[in-house]
N, C-alpha and C. Protein backbone atom coordinates (compact mmCIF):
# COMPACT_ATOMS: atom_id res chain seq x y z
N MET A 1 28.65 -34.75 274.99
CA MET A 1 27.66 -34.84 276.07
C MET A 1 27.90 -33.70 277.05
N THR A 2 26.84 -33.00 277.42
CA THR A 2 26.99 -31.90 278.37
C THR A 2 27.29 -32.45 279.77
N PRO A 3 27.93 -31.65 280.62
CA PRO A 3 28.19 -32.11 281.99
C PRO A 3 26.90 -32.48 282.73
N LEU A 4 25.82 -31.77 282.45
CA LEU A 4 24.57 -32.08 283.14
C LEU A 4 24.05 -33.45 282.74
N ARG A 5 24.22 -33.82 281.49
CA ARG A 5 23.76 -35.14 281.05
C ARG A 5 24.62 -36.24 281.68
N ASP A 6 25.91 -36.01 281.79
CA ASP A 6 26.77 -36.95 282.51
C ASP A 6 26.33 -37.07 283.97
N ALA A 7 25.99 -35.93 284.58
CA ALA A 7 25.56 -35.95 285.97
C ALA A 7 24.25 -36.73 286.13
N TYR A 8 23.35 -36.55 285.18
CA TYR A 8 22.08 -37.31 285.26
C TYR A 8 22.37 -38.82 285.27
N LEU A 9 23.24 -39.27 284.40
CA LEU A 9 23.58 -40.70 284.36
C LEU A 9 24.24 -41.13 285.67
N ALA A 10 25.02 -40.23 286.29
CA ALA A 10 25.66 -40.55 287.56
C ALA A 10 24.65 -40.67 288.69
N ALA A 11 23.46 -40.09 288.52
CA ALA A 11 22.37 -40.27 289.49
C ALA A 11 21.53 -41.48 289.15
N ALA A 12 21.35 -41.73 287.85
CA ALA A 12 20.49 -42.84 287.42
C ALA A 12 21.11 -44.20 287.69
N GLU A 13 22.42 -44.32 287.53
CA GLU A 13 23.08 -45.63 287.70
C GLU A 13 22.92 -46.18 289.12
N PRO A 14 23.23 -45.40 290.18
CA PRO A 14 23.02 -45.95 291.52
C PRO A 14 21.55 -46.16 291.87
N ALA A 15 20.66 -45.38 291.27
CA ALA A 15 19.23 -45.60 291.50
C ALA A 15 18.82 -46.94 290.92
N ALA A 16 19.29 -47.26 289.71
CA ALA A 16 18.98 -48.55 289.11
C ALA A 16 19.59 -49.68 289.91
N ALA A 17 20.80 -49.48 290.44
CA ALA A 17 21.43 -50.50 291.28
C ALA A 17 20.64 -50.71 292.57
N LEU A 18 20.13 -49.63 293.15
CA LEU A 18 19.31 -49.74 294.35
C LEU A 18 18.04 -50.55 294.08
N LEU A 19 17.42 -50.32 292.94
CA LEU A 19 16.22 -51.08 292.59
C LEU A 19 16.50 -52.57 292.51
N ALA A 20 17.73 -52.95 292.16
CA ALA A 20 18.11 -54.36 292.06
C ALA A 20 18.56 -54.95 293.39
N ASP A 21 18.66 -54.13 294.44
CA ASP A 21 19.09 -54.64 295.74
C ASP A 21 18.07 -55.66 296.26
N PRO A 22 18.51 -56.81 296.74
CA PRO A 22 17.56 -57.81 297.26
C PRO A 22 16.64 -57.29 298.35
N ALA A 23 17.08 -56.27 299.09
CA ALA A 23 16.24 -55.71 300.14
C ALA A 23 14.96 -55.11 299.58
N VAL A 24 15.01 -54.59 298.35
CA VAL A 24 13.81 -54.03 297.74
C VAL A 24 12.80 -55.14 297.47
N ALA A 25 13.25 -56.23 296.89
CA ALA A 25 12.34 -57.35 296.62
C ALA A 25 11.77 -57.93 297.92
N ARG A 26 12.59 -58.02 298.96
CA ARG A 26 12.12 -58.57 300.23
C ARG A 26 11.03 -57.70 300.86
N SER A 27 11.11 -56.40 300.64
CA SER A 27 10.16 -55.47 301.26
C SER A 27 9.07 -55.02 300.30
N TRP A 28 8.95 -55.67 299.18
CA TRP A 28 8.13 -55.21 298.05
C TRP A 28 6.71 -54.81 298.47
N ASP A 29 6.08 -55.61 299.30
CA ASP A 29 4.67 -55.35 299.66
C ASP A 29 4.52 -54.59 300.97
N ALA A 30 5.63 -54.20 301.60
CA ALA A 30 5.57 -53.48 302.87
C ALA A 30 5.33 -51.99 302.64
N PRO A 31 4.86 -51.30 303.68
CA PRO A 31 4.75 -49.84 303.57
C PRO A 31 6.13 -49.20 303.40
N SER A 32 6.19 -48.12 302.68
CA SER A 32 7.45 -47.39 302.52
C SER A 32 7.52 -46.26 303.53
N ALA A 33 8.58 -45.49 303.47
CA ALA A 33 8.73 -44.32 304.33
C ALA A 33 7.80 -43.19 303.94
N LEU A 34 7.16 -43.28 302.80
CA LEU A 34 6.23 -42.26 302.34
C LEU A 34 4.80 -42.73 302.57
N ALA A 35 3.98 -41.86 303.10
CA ALA A 35 2.61 -42.21 303.45
C ALA A 35 1.84 -42.70 302.22
N GLN A 36 1.13 -43.79 302.40
CA GLN A 36 0.25 -44.38 301.39
C GLN A 36 0.99 -44.91 300.16
N PHE A 37 2.29 -45.06 300.27
CA PHE A 37 3.10 -45.59 299.16
C PHE A 37 3.72 -46.90 299.63
N PRO A 38 3.32 -48.05 299.08
CA PRO A 38 4.08 -49.27 299.39
C PRO A 38 5.46 -49.19 298.76
N VAL A 39 6.35 -50.05 299.22
CA VAL A 39 7.70 -50.07 298.64
C VAL A 39 7.63 -50.28 297.14
N SER A 40 6.73 -51.15 296.69
CA SER A 40 6.62 -51.40 295.25
C SER A 40 6.29 -50.12 294.50
N GLY A 41 5.32 -49.35 294.99
CA GLY A 41 4.95 -48.12 294.30
C GLY A 41 6.04 -47.08 294.34
N LEU A 42 6.74 -46.99 295.48
CA LEU A 42 7.86 -46.05 295.56
C LEU A 42 8.97 -46.47 294.61
N ALA A 43 9.24 -47.77 294.51
CA ALA A 43 10.25 -48.25 293.56
C ALA A 43 9.84 -47.90 292.13
N GLY A 44 8.56 -48.06 291.82
CA GLY A 44 8.08 -47.70 290.49
C GLY A 44 8.23 -46.21 290.22
N HIS A 45 7.96 -45.40 291.24
CA HIS A 45 8.10 -43.95 291.09
C HIS A 45 9.57 -43.58 290.88
N LEU A 46 10.46 -44.22 291.62
CA LEU A 46 11.89 -43.97 291.41
C LEU A 46 12.31 -44.38 290.01
N ALA A 47 11.89 -45.55 289.58
CA ALA A 47 12.26 -46.02 288.24
C ALA A 47 11.72 -45.09 287.16
N SER A 48 10.57 -44.47 287.41
CA SER A 48 9.99 -43.60 286.38
C SER A 48 10.87 -42.39 286.10
N GLN A 49 11.73 -42.02 287.04
CA GLN A 49 12.64 -40.90 286.80
C GLN A 49 13.73 -41.27 285.79
N ILE A 50 13.90 -42.56 285.55
CA ILE A 50 14.78 -43.05 284.49
C ILE A 50 13.99 -43.34 283.24
N LEU A 51 12.89 -44.07 283.39
CA LEU A 51 12.12 -44.52 282.23
C LEU A 51 11.44 -43.37 281.49
N SER A 52 11.20 -42.26 282.18
CA SER A 52 10.53 -41.13 281.53
C SER A 52 11.44 -40.42 280.54
N VAL A 53 12.75 -40.58 280.67
CA VAL A 53 13.66 -39.85 279.78
C VAL A 53 13.64 -40.41 278.37
N PRO A 54 13.79 -41.73 278.15
CA PRO A 54 13.67 -42.21 276.77
C PRO A 54 12.29 -41.94 276.16
N ARG A 55 11.24 -41.95 277.00
CA ARG A 55 9.91 -41.61 276.48
C ARG A 55 9.87 -40.17 275.99
N ALA A 56 10.47 -39.26 276.75
CA ALA A 56 10.50 -37.85 276.35
C ALA A 56 11.30 -37.66 275.07
N LEU A 57 12.43 -38.37 274.95
CA LEU A 57 13.25 -38.24 273.75
C LEU A 57 12.57 -38.81 272.52
N ALA A 58 11.67 -39.77 272.72
CA ALA A 58 10.98 -40.39 271.59
C ALA A 58 9.83 -39.54 271.07
N MET A 59 9.41 -38.54 271.82
CA MET A 59 8.31 -37.67 271.40
C MET A 59 8.82 -36.62 270.41
N PRO A 60 7.94 -36.09 269.57
CA PRO A 60 8.36 -35.05 268.63
C PRO A 60 8.94 -33.84 269.36
N VAL A 61 9.95 -33.24 268.77
CA VAL A 61 10.52 -32.02 269.35
C VAL A 61 9.44 -30.95 269.35
N PRO A 62 9.17 -30.34 270.49
CA PRO A 62 8.07 -29.37 270.57
C PRO A 62 8.35 -28.11 269.75
N ASP A 63 7.26 -27.51 269.30
CA ASP A 63 7.36 -26.26 268.55
C ASP A 63 7.45 -25.05 269.48
N ASP A 64 6.91 -25.18 270.69
CA ASP A 64 6.88 -24.04 271.60
C ASP A 64 8.23 -23.87 272.28
N GLU A 65 8.46 -22.68 272.78
CA GLU A 65 9.71 -22.36 273.45
C GLU A 65 9.73 -22.97 274.85
N ALA A 66 10.88 -23.46 275.27
CA ALA A 66 11.00 -24.03 276.61
C ALA A 66 10.81 -22.96 277.66
N ILE A 67 10.11 -23.31 278.75
CA ILE A 67 9.91 -22.37 279.84
C ILE A 67 11.09 -22.47 280.82
N PRO A 68 11.30 -21.45 281.63
CA PRO A 68 12.37 -21.52 282.65
C PRO A 68 12.09 -22.63 283.65
N LEU A 69 13.15 -23.17 284.22
CA LEU A 69 13.02 -24.30 285.13
C LEU A 69 12.13 -23.98 286.32
N ILE A 70 12.28 -22.80 286.92
CA ILE A 70 11.47 -22.46 288.09
C ILE A 70 10.00 -22.42 287.74
N ASP A 71 9.67 -22.02 286.51
CA ASP A 71 8.26 -21.96 286.09
C ASP A 71 7.65 -23.36 286.02
N HIS A 72 8.47 -24.35 285.74
CA HIS A 72 7.98 -25.73 285.72
C HIS A 72 7.37 -26.09 287.08
N TYR A 73 7.98 -25.63 288.14
CA TYR A 73 7.49 -25.95 289.48
C TYR A 73 6.36 -25.03 289.93
N THR A 74 6.38 -23.77 289.51
CA THR A 74 5.27 -22.89 289.90
C THR A 74 3.98 -23.31 289.20
N ARG A 75 4.09 -24.00 288.07
CA ARG A 75 2.90 -24.49 287.35
C ARG A 75 2.47 -25.88 287.79
N ALA A 76 3.33 -26.62 288.47
CA ALA A 76 3.03 -28.02 288.80
C ALA A 76 1.88 -28.11 289.80
N ARG A 77 0.90 -28.95 289.49
CA ARG A 77 -0.30 -29.05 290.32
C ARG A 77 -0.05 -29.85 291.60
N TRP A 78 0.97 -30.71 291.63
CA TRP A 78 1.18 -31.55 292.79
C TRP A 78 1.80 -30.83 293.97
N ILE A 79 2.45 -29.71 293.70
CA ILE A 79 3.11 -28.98 294.79
C ILE A 79 2.05 -28.32 295.67
N GLY A 80 2.06 -28.67 296.94
CA GLY A 80 1.10 -28.13 297.88
C GLY A 80 -0.23 -28.85 297.92
N ALA A 81 -0.40 -29.85 297.04
CA ALA A 81 -1.66 -30.59 297.02
C ALA A 81 -1.71 -31.57 298.19
N ALA A 82 -2.92 -31.84 298.69
CA ALA A 82 -3.10 -32.77 299.80
C ALA A 82 -2.75 -34.18 299.36
N LEU A 83 -2.44 -35.02 300.35
CA LEU A 83 -2.04 -36.40 300.07
C LEU A 83 -3.11 -37.16 299.30
N ASP A 84 -4.38 -36.87 299.59
CA ASP A 84 -5.47 -37.58 298.93
C ASP A 84 -6.05 -36.81 297.75
N ASP A 85 -5.34 -35.72 297.35
CA ASP A 85 -5.75 -35.00 296.14
C ASP A 85 -5.57 -35.89 294.92
N GLU A 86 -6.41 -35.67 293.92
CA GLU A 86 -6.40 -36.51 292.72
C GLU A 86 -5.02 -36.61 292.09
N ILE A 87 -4.28 -35.51 292.06
CA ILE A 87 -2.98 -35.53 291.40
C ILE A 87 -2.01 -36.44 292.14
N ASN A 88 -2.03 -36.43 293.47
CA ASN A 88 -1.13 -37.28 294.24
C ASN A 88 -1.58 -38.74 294.25
N VAL A 89 -2.87 -38.95 294.26
CA VAL A 89 -3.37 -40.32 294.11
C VAL A 89 -2.92 -40.89 292.77
N GLY A 90 -2.98 -40.07 291.73
CA GLY A 90 -2.56 -40.52 290.40
C GLY A 90 -1.07 -40.83 290.34
N ILE A 91 -0.26 -40.03 291.03
CA ILE A 91 1.19 -40.29 291.07
C ILE A 91 1.47 -41.62 291.73
N ARG A 92 0.78 -41.90 292.85
CA ARG A 92 1.00 -43.17 293.54
C ARG A 92 0.51 -44.34 292.69
N ARG A 93 -0.61 -44.16 292.04
CA ARG A 93 -1.15 -45.24 291.20
C ARG A 93 -0.20 -45.53 290.04
N LEU A 94 0.35 -44.49 289.43
CA LEU A 94 1.28 -44.68 288.32
C LEU A 94 2.52 -45.43 288.78
N GLY A 95 3.04 -45.09 289.97
CA GLY A 95 4.20 -45.81 290.50
C GLY A 95 3.91 -47.29 290.64
N GLU A 96 2.74 -47.63 291.15
CA GLU A 96 2.39 -49.04 291.32
C GLU A 96 2.19 -49.72 289.97
N ASP A 97 1.63 -49.00 289.00
CA ASP A 97 1.46 -49.57 287.66
C ASP A 97 2.82 -49.88 287.03
N ILE A 98 3.77 -48.97 287.18
CA ILE A 98 5.10 -49.16 286.61
C ILE A 98 5.78 -50.39 287.23
N ALA A 99 5.49 -50.62 288.51
CA ALA A 99 6.13 -51.72 289.24
C ALA A 99 5.34 -53.02 289.15
N ALA A 100 4.30 -53.06 288.35
CA ALA A 100 3.38 -54.21 288.37
C ALA A 100 4.06 -55.52 287.98
N GLY A 101 5.15 -55.48 287.22
CA GLY A 101 5.84 -56.70 286.80
C GLY A 101 6.74 -57.30 287.86
N GLY A 102 6.89 -56.63 289.00
CA GLY A 102 7.71 -57.16 290.08
C GLY A 102 9.07 -56.49 290.17
N ALA A 103 9.77 -56.77 291.25
CA ALA A 103 11.04 -56.10 291.53
C ALA A 103 12.11 -56.39 290.49
N ALA A 104 12.27 -57.66 290.12
CA ALA A 104 13.33 -58.02 289.17
C ALA A 104 13.09 -57.39 287.81
N GLU A 105 11.84 -57.44 287.36
CA GLU A 105 11.52 -56.87 286.05
C GLU A 105 11.74 -55.37 286.04
N LEU A 106 11.34 -54.69 287.12
CA LEU A 106 11.51 -53.24 287.20
C LEU A 106 12.99 -52.86 287.19
N ALA A 107 13.79 -53.57 287.98
CA ALA A 107 15.22 -53.28 288.02
C ALA A 107 15.87 -53.50 286.66
N ALA A 108 15.48 -54.57 285.97
CA ALA A 108 16.05 -54.85 284.65
C ALA A 108 15.70 -53.76 283.66
N ARG A 109 14.46 -53.27 283.69
CA ARG A 109 14.06 -52.19 282.79
C ARG A 109 14.85 -50.92 283.07
N ALA A 110 15.02 -50.61 284.34
CA ALA A 110 15.74 -49.39 284.69
C ALA A 110 17.20 -49.49 284.25
N GLN A 111 17.82 -50.63 284.49
CA GLN A 111 19.23 -50.79 284.12
C GLN A 111 19.41 -50.75 282.60
N ALA A 112 18.49 -51.34 281.86
CA ALA A 112 18.56 -51.30 280.40
C ALA A 112 18.39 -49.87 279.90
N ALA A 113 17.49 -49.11 280.52
CA ALA A 113 17.27 -47.73 280.11
C ALA A 113 18.52 -46.88 280.35
N VAL A 114 19.18 -47.09 281.47
CA VAL A 114 20.41 -46.34 281.75
C VAL A 114 21.46 -46.65 280.68
N ARG A 115 21.61 -47.92 280.33
CA ARG A 115 22.59 -48.28 279.29
C ARG A 115 22.25 -47.60 277.97
N ASP A 116 20.99 -47.62 277.59
CA ASP A 116 20.59 -47.02 276.32
C ASP A 116 20.74 -45.50 276.34
N LEU A 117 20.48 -44.90 277.48
CA LEU A 117 20.54 -43.44 277.57
C LEU A 117 21.95 -42.91 277.43
N ARG A 118 22.95 -43.73 277.73
CA ARG A 118 24.32 -43.25 277.59
C ARG A 118 24.59 -42.84 276.14
N GLU A 119 24.11 -43.61 275.19
CA GLU A 119 24.27 -43.26 273.78
C GLU A 119 23.25 -42.22 273.37
N ALA A 120 22.00 -42.39 273.82
CA ALA A 120 20.92 -41.51 273.37
C ALA A 120 21.16 -40.06 273.79
N LEU A 121 21.59 -39.83 275.02
CA LEU A 121 21.81 -38.47 275.48
C LEU A 121 23.01 -37.83 274.79
N ALA A 122 24.04 -38.63 274.51
CA ALA A 122 25.21 -38.09 273.82
C ALA A 122 24.87 -37.65 272.40
N ALA A 123 23.86 -38.26 271.82
CA ALA A 123 23.49 -37.96 270.44
C ALA A 123 22.61 -36.73 270.30
N GLU A 124 22.03 -36.26 271.40
CA GLU A 124 21.10 -35.13 271.33
C GLU A 124 21.87 -33.81 271.23
N PRO A 125 21.40 -32.90 270.38
CA PRO A 125 22.12 -31.64 270.18
C PRO A 125 21.95 -30.69 271.36
N ASP A 126 22.87 -29.74 271.49
CA ASP A 126 22.70 -28.66 272.45
C ASP A 126 21.41 -27.91 272.12
N GLY A 127 20.72 -27.47 273.14
CA GLY A 127 19.49 -26.72 272.91
C GLY A 127 18.27 -27.59 272.67
N ARG A 128 18.43 -28.90 272.73
CA ARG A 128 17.29 -29.80 272.54
C ARG A 128 16.22 -29.52 273.59
N THR A 129 14.97 -29.47 273.16
CA THR A 129 13.86 -29.31 274.09
C THR A 129 13.02 -30.57 274.07
N VAL A 130 12.29 -30.79 275.17
CA VAL A 130 11.42 -31.96 275.27
C VAL A 130 10.08 -31.52 275.86
N PRO A 131 9.00 -32.19 275.47
CA PRO A 131 7.70 -31.89 276.08
C PRO A 131 7.61 -32.49 277.48
N VAL A 132 6.90 -31.82 278.35
CA VAL A 132 6.64 -32.34 279.70
C VAL A 132 5.20 -32.84 279.71
N PRO A 133 5.00 -34.16 279.73
CA PRO A 133 3.63 -34.69 279.62
C PRO A 133 2.69 -34.17 280.69
N ALA A 134 3.20 -33.91 281.89
CA ALA A 134 2.34 -33.41 282.96
C ALA A 134 2.00 -31.94 282.77
N GLY A 135 2.58 -31.30 281.75
CA GLY A 135 2.40 -29.88 281.54
C GLY A 135 0.97 -29.45 281.22
N PRO A 136 0.65 -29.15 279.99
CA PRO A 136 1.58 -29.28 278.85
C PRO A 136 2.46 -28.04 278.67
N TRP A 137 3.75 -28.26 278.69
CA TRP A 137 4.74 -27.25 278.36
C TRP A 137 6.05 -27.96 278.05
N SER A 138 7.06 -27.19 277.70
CA SER A 138 8.34 -27.78 277.28
C SER A 138 9.46 -27.24 278.15
N LEU A 139 10.50 -28.07 278.28
CA LEU A 139 11.72 -27.69 278.98
C LEU A 139 12.91 -27.99 278.07
N SER A 140 14.01 -27.30 278.31
CA SER A 140 15.25 -27.75 277.67
C SER A 140 15.56 -29.14 278.20
N LEU A 141 16.26 -29.94 277.41
CA LEU A 141 16.59 -31.29 277.84
C LEU A 141 17.37 -31.26 279.15
N ASP A 142 18.34 -30.36 279.27
CA ASP A 142 19.14 -30.32 280.49
C ASP A 142 18.30 -29.92 281.70
N ASP A 143 17.35 -29.01 281.53
CA ASP A 143 16.46 -28.66 282.64
C ASP A 143 15.57 -29.85 283.01
N PHE A 144 15.07 -30.55 281.99
CA PHE A 144 14.25 -31.73 282.27
C PHE A 144 15.06 -32.77 283.05
N LEU A 145 16.31 -32.97 282.65
CA LEU A 145 17.17 -33.92 283.36
C LEU A 145 17.45 -33.45 284.79
N THR A 146 17.53 -32.15 284.99
CA THR A 146 17.71 -31.63 286.35
C THR A 146 16.51 -31.98 287.22
N THR A 147 15.30 -31.87 286.67
CA THR A 147 14.11 -32.25 287.46
C THR A 147 14.16 -33.73 287.79
N ARG A 148 14.58 -34.57 286.85
CA ARG A 148 14.64 -36.01 287.11
C ARG A 148 15.76 -36.32 288.10
N MET A 149 16.86 -35.59 288.02
CA MET A 149 18.00 -35.83 288.90
C MET A 149 17.64 -35.51 290.34
N MET A 150 16.88 -34.43 290.54
CA MET A 150 16.41 -34.11 291.89
C MET A 150 15.52 -35.23 292.41
N GLU A 151 14.60 -35.71 291.58
CA GLU A 151 13.72 -36.80 291.99
C GLU A 151 14.52 -38.07 292.30
N LEU A 152 15.53 -38.35 291.50
CA LEU A 152 16.36 -39.53 291.75
C LEU A 152 17.07 -39.43 293.09
N ALA A 153 17.63 -38.26 293.40
CA ALA A 153 18.33 -38.09 294.66
C ALA A 153 17.39 -38.24 295.84
N VAL A 154 16.24 -37.58 295.78
CA VAL A 154 15.30 -37.59 296.90
C VAL A 154 14.70 -38.97 297.09
N HIS A 155 14.25 -39.59 296.00
CA HIS A 155 13.53 -40.87 296.15
C HIS A 155 14.47 -42.06 296.30
N SER A 156 15.73 -41.93 295.88
CA SER A 156 16.70 -42.97 296.23
C SER A 156 16.86 -43.04 297.74
N ASP A 157 16.91 -41.87 298.38
CA ASP A 157 16.97 -41.84 299.84
C ASP A 157 15.70 -42.43 300.45
N ASP A 158 14.53 -42.04 299.93
CA ASP A 158 13.27 -42.58 300.44
C ASP A 158 13.24 -44.10 300.36
N LEU A 159 13.65 -44.64 299.22
CA LEU A 159 13.60 -46.09 299.04
C LEU A 159 14.62 -46.78 299.92
N ALA A 160 15.83 -46.23 300.01
CA ALA A 160 16.86 -46.84 300.85
C ALA A 160 16.41 -46.88 302.31
N VAL A 161 15.86 -45.78 302.81
CA VAL A 161 15.35 -45.75 304.18
C VAL A 161 14.22 -46.76 304.36
N SER A 162 13.39 -46.90 303.36
CA SER A 162 12.24 -47.80 303.44
C SER A 162 12.64 -49.26 303.58
N VAL A 163 13.76 -49.64 302.95
CA VAL A 163 14.15 -51.06 302.94
C VAL A 163 15.37 -51.33 303.81
N GLY A 164 15.85 -50.31 304.52
CA GLY A 164 16.92 -50.52 305.49
C GLY A 164 18.30 -50.70 304.91
N VAL A 165 18.61 -49.99 303.83
CA VAL A 165 19.96 -50.02 303.25
C VAL A 165 20.51 -48.60 303.19
N PRO A 166 21.83 -48.44 303.06
CA PRO A 166 22.39 -47.09 303.01
C PRO A 166 21.90 -46.30 301.79
N THR A 167 21.70 -45.02 302.00
CA THR A 167 21.36 -44.14 300.88
C THR A 167 22.55 -44.09 299.92
N PRO A 168 22.32 -44.23 298.61
CA PRO A 168 23.44 -44.19 297.67
C PRO A 168 24.22 -42.88 297.77
N ASP A 169 25.54 -42.99 297.70
CA ASP A 169 26.40 -41.81 297.64
C ASP A 169 26.34 -41.22 296.24
N LEU A 170 26.16 -39.93 296.17
CA LEU A 170 26.10 -39.24 294.88
C LEU A 170 27.22 -38.22 294.81
N PRO A 171 27.82 -38.06 293.64
CA PRO A 171 28.94 -37.12 293.50
C PRO A 171 28.47 -35.67 293.50
N ALA A 172 29.41 -34.78 293.67
CA ALA A 172 29.10 -33.35 293.67
C ALA A 172 28.46 -32.91 292.36
N ALA A 173 28.82 -33.55 291.26
CA ALA A 173 28.24 -33.20 289.96
C ALA A 173 26.73 -33.39 289.95
N VAL A 174 26.24 -34.32 290.77
CA VAL A 174 24.80 -34.53 290.93
C VAL A 174 24.25 -33.60 292.00
N LEU A 175 24.89 -33.57 293.16
CA LEU A 175 24.33 -32.86 294.30
C LEU A 175 24.33 -31.35 294.12
N ASP A 176 25.33 -30.82 293.43
CA ASP A 176 25.38 -29.36 293.26
C ASP A 176 24.15 -28.83 292.54
N PRO A 177 23.78 -29.36 291.37
CA PRO A 177 22.56 -28.85 290.73
C PRO A 177 21.29 -29.20 291.48
N VAL A 178 21.28 -30.34 292.17
CA VAL A 178 20.10 -30.70 292.97
C VAL A 178 19.92 -29.71 294.12
N PHE A 179 21.00 -29.41 294.83
CA PHE A 179 20.90 -28.45 295.93
C PHE A 179 20.57 -27.05 295.41
N ALA A 180 21.12 -26.69 294.25
CA ALA A 180 20.81 -25.38 293.67
C ALA A 180 19.32 -25.28 293.36
N LEU A 181 18.75 -26.34 292.79
CA LEU A 181 17.32 -26.33 292.47
C LEU A 181 16.49 -26.27 293.75
N LEU A 182 16.80 -27.12 294.73
CA LEU A 182 16.03 -27.13 295.97
C LEU A 182 16.14 -25.80 296.70
N THR A 183 17.32 -25.17 296.63
CA THR A 183 17.49 -23.86 297.26
C THR A 183 16.62 -22.81 296.60
N ARG A 184 16.61 -22.80 295.27
CA ARG A 184 15.76 -21.84 294.55
C ARG A 184 14.29 -22.04 294.89
N LEU A 185 13.87 -23.29 294.99
CA LEU A 185 12.47 -23.57 295.31
C LEU A 185 12.16 -23.19 296.75
N ALA A 186 13.11 -23.41 297.66
CA ALA A 186 12.90 -23.02 299.05
C ALA A 186 12.79 -21.51 299.19
N VAL A 187 13.63 -20.77 298.46
CA VAL A 187 13.55 -19.31 298.48
C VAL A 187 12.22 -18.85 297.91
N HIS A 188 11.78 -19.48 296.83
CA HIS A 188 10.52 -19.10 296.21
C HIS A 188 9.36 -19.34 297.18
N ARG A 189 9.44 -20.40 297.97
CA ARG A 189 8.35 -20.76 298.88
C ARG A 189 8.38 -19.96 300.18
N HIS A 190 9.57 -19.77 300.74
CA HIS A 190 9.67 -19.20 302.09
C HIS A 190 10.26 -17.79 302.12
N GLY A 191 10.91 -17.38 301.04
CA GLY A 191 11.56 -16.09 301.01
C GLY A 191 13.04 -16.19 301.37
N PRO A 192 13.85 -15.26 300.89
CA PRO A 192 15.30 -15.36 301.10
C PRO A 192 15.71 -15.21 302.56
N THR A 193 15.02 -14.39 303.33
CA THR A 193 15.41 -14.19 304.72
C THR A 193 15.25 -15.47 305.53
N ALA A 194 14.16 -16.19 305.29
CA ALA A 194 13.95 -17.45 306.01
C ALA A 194 15.08 -18.43 305.73
N LEU A 195 15.50 -18.51 304.47
CA LEU A 195 16.57 -19.44 304.13
C LEU A 195 17.90 -18.97 304.70
N LEU A 196 18.14 -17.68 304.68
CA LEU A 196 19.37 -17.13 305.26
C LEU A 196 19.46 -17.48 306.74
N HIS A 197 18.35 -17.32 307.45
CA HIS A 197 18.34 -17.66 308.88
C HIS A 197 18.53 -19.16 309.09
N ALA A 198 17.88 -19.98 308.27
CA ALA A 198 17.99 -21.43 308.44
C ALA A 198 19.42 -21.90 308.27
N LEU A 199 20.16 -21.24 307.38
CA LEU A 199 21.53 -21.68 307.08
C LEU A 199 22.59 -21.02 307.95
N SER A 200 22.24 -19.91 308.60
CA SER A 200 23.30 -19.19 309.31
C SER A 200 22.94 -18.73 310.71
N ARG A 201 21.67 -18.72 311.08
CA ARG A 201 21.26 -18.20 312.38
C ARG A 201 20.22 -19.12 313.00
N ALA A 202 20.69 -20.16 313.70
CA ALA A 202 19.78 -21.16 314.26
C ALA A 202 18.76 -20.52 315.19
N GLU A 203 19.15 -19.44 315.91
CA GLU A 203 18.22 -18.82 316.86
C GLU A 203 17.07 -18.10 316.17
N ARG A 204 17.21 -17.79 314.89
CA ARG A 204 16.13 -17.12 314.15
C ARG A 204 15.59 -18.01 313.03
N ALA A 205 15.99 -19.24 313.00
CA ALA A 205 15.59 -20.13 311.91
C ALA A 205 14.11 -20.47 311.99
N PRO A 206 13.42 -20.53 310.87
CA PRO A 206 12.03 -20.96 310.86
C PRO A 206 11.94 -22.47 311.13
N THR A 207 10.73 -22.93 311.36
CA THR A 207 10.53 -24.36 311.62
C THR A 207 10.98 -25.20 310.44
N THR A 208 10.71 -24.73 309.24
CA THR A 208 11.10 -25.48 308.04
C THR A 208 11.39 -24.51 306.89
N VAL A 209 12.30 -24.92 306.02
CA VAL A 209 12.50 -24.25 304.74
C VAL A 209 12.42 -25.28 303.63
N ALA A 210 11.61 -26.34 303.86
CA ALA A 210 11.48 -27.38 302.86
C ALA A 210 11.04 -26.81 301.53
N ALA A 211 11.62 -27.31 300.46
CA ALA A 211 11.31 -26.80 299.13
C ALA A 211 9.88 -27.12 298.72
N PHE A 212 9.33 -28.24 299.22
CA PHE A 212 7.99 -28.65 298.84
C PHE A 212 7.09 -28.73 300.07
């Protein structure tokens, strides 16, 4: 198993545990910290970062060459789209559909998927590619897991804040590639000078260097 695959599981396990926290079930129908996303839909969106991996592995290995990770984001239609844009409405609707069985059912599915993925990811060869359904294009498996790991880190925090519990602690093996990805995306969006100022010169820092 590659270190990145181990890191993905280290992000998925606390996310699945968070989904099983009683605070999530108690707040199920309440608004979340994200606009127009109830807690249930946000929980479904978080769970999809786990459930999408076995689905990707079950699809035929693509014939086309995997694209670079940064290109995955430059092609993504949701980046920069308005909250009520069709793509974002669809993302919220999918989250709610995934969560339609309720909090306990969603948590059980996520936890079962994590258990199964421990064997499934170890069995996949180096260089394995997977199709990206939102593409259509392909990524290396490790790059695909990096995209899911970033989503797990970000949305675990969103869900924890939404239901009033501590954000899960994640190890450096998870945070290092997540921060590397977010940094690359921030540089792509704002330019290297803006990020340099944000990190080292508060008096010249821009208002934001958010990656998205």
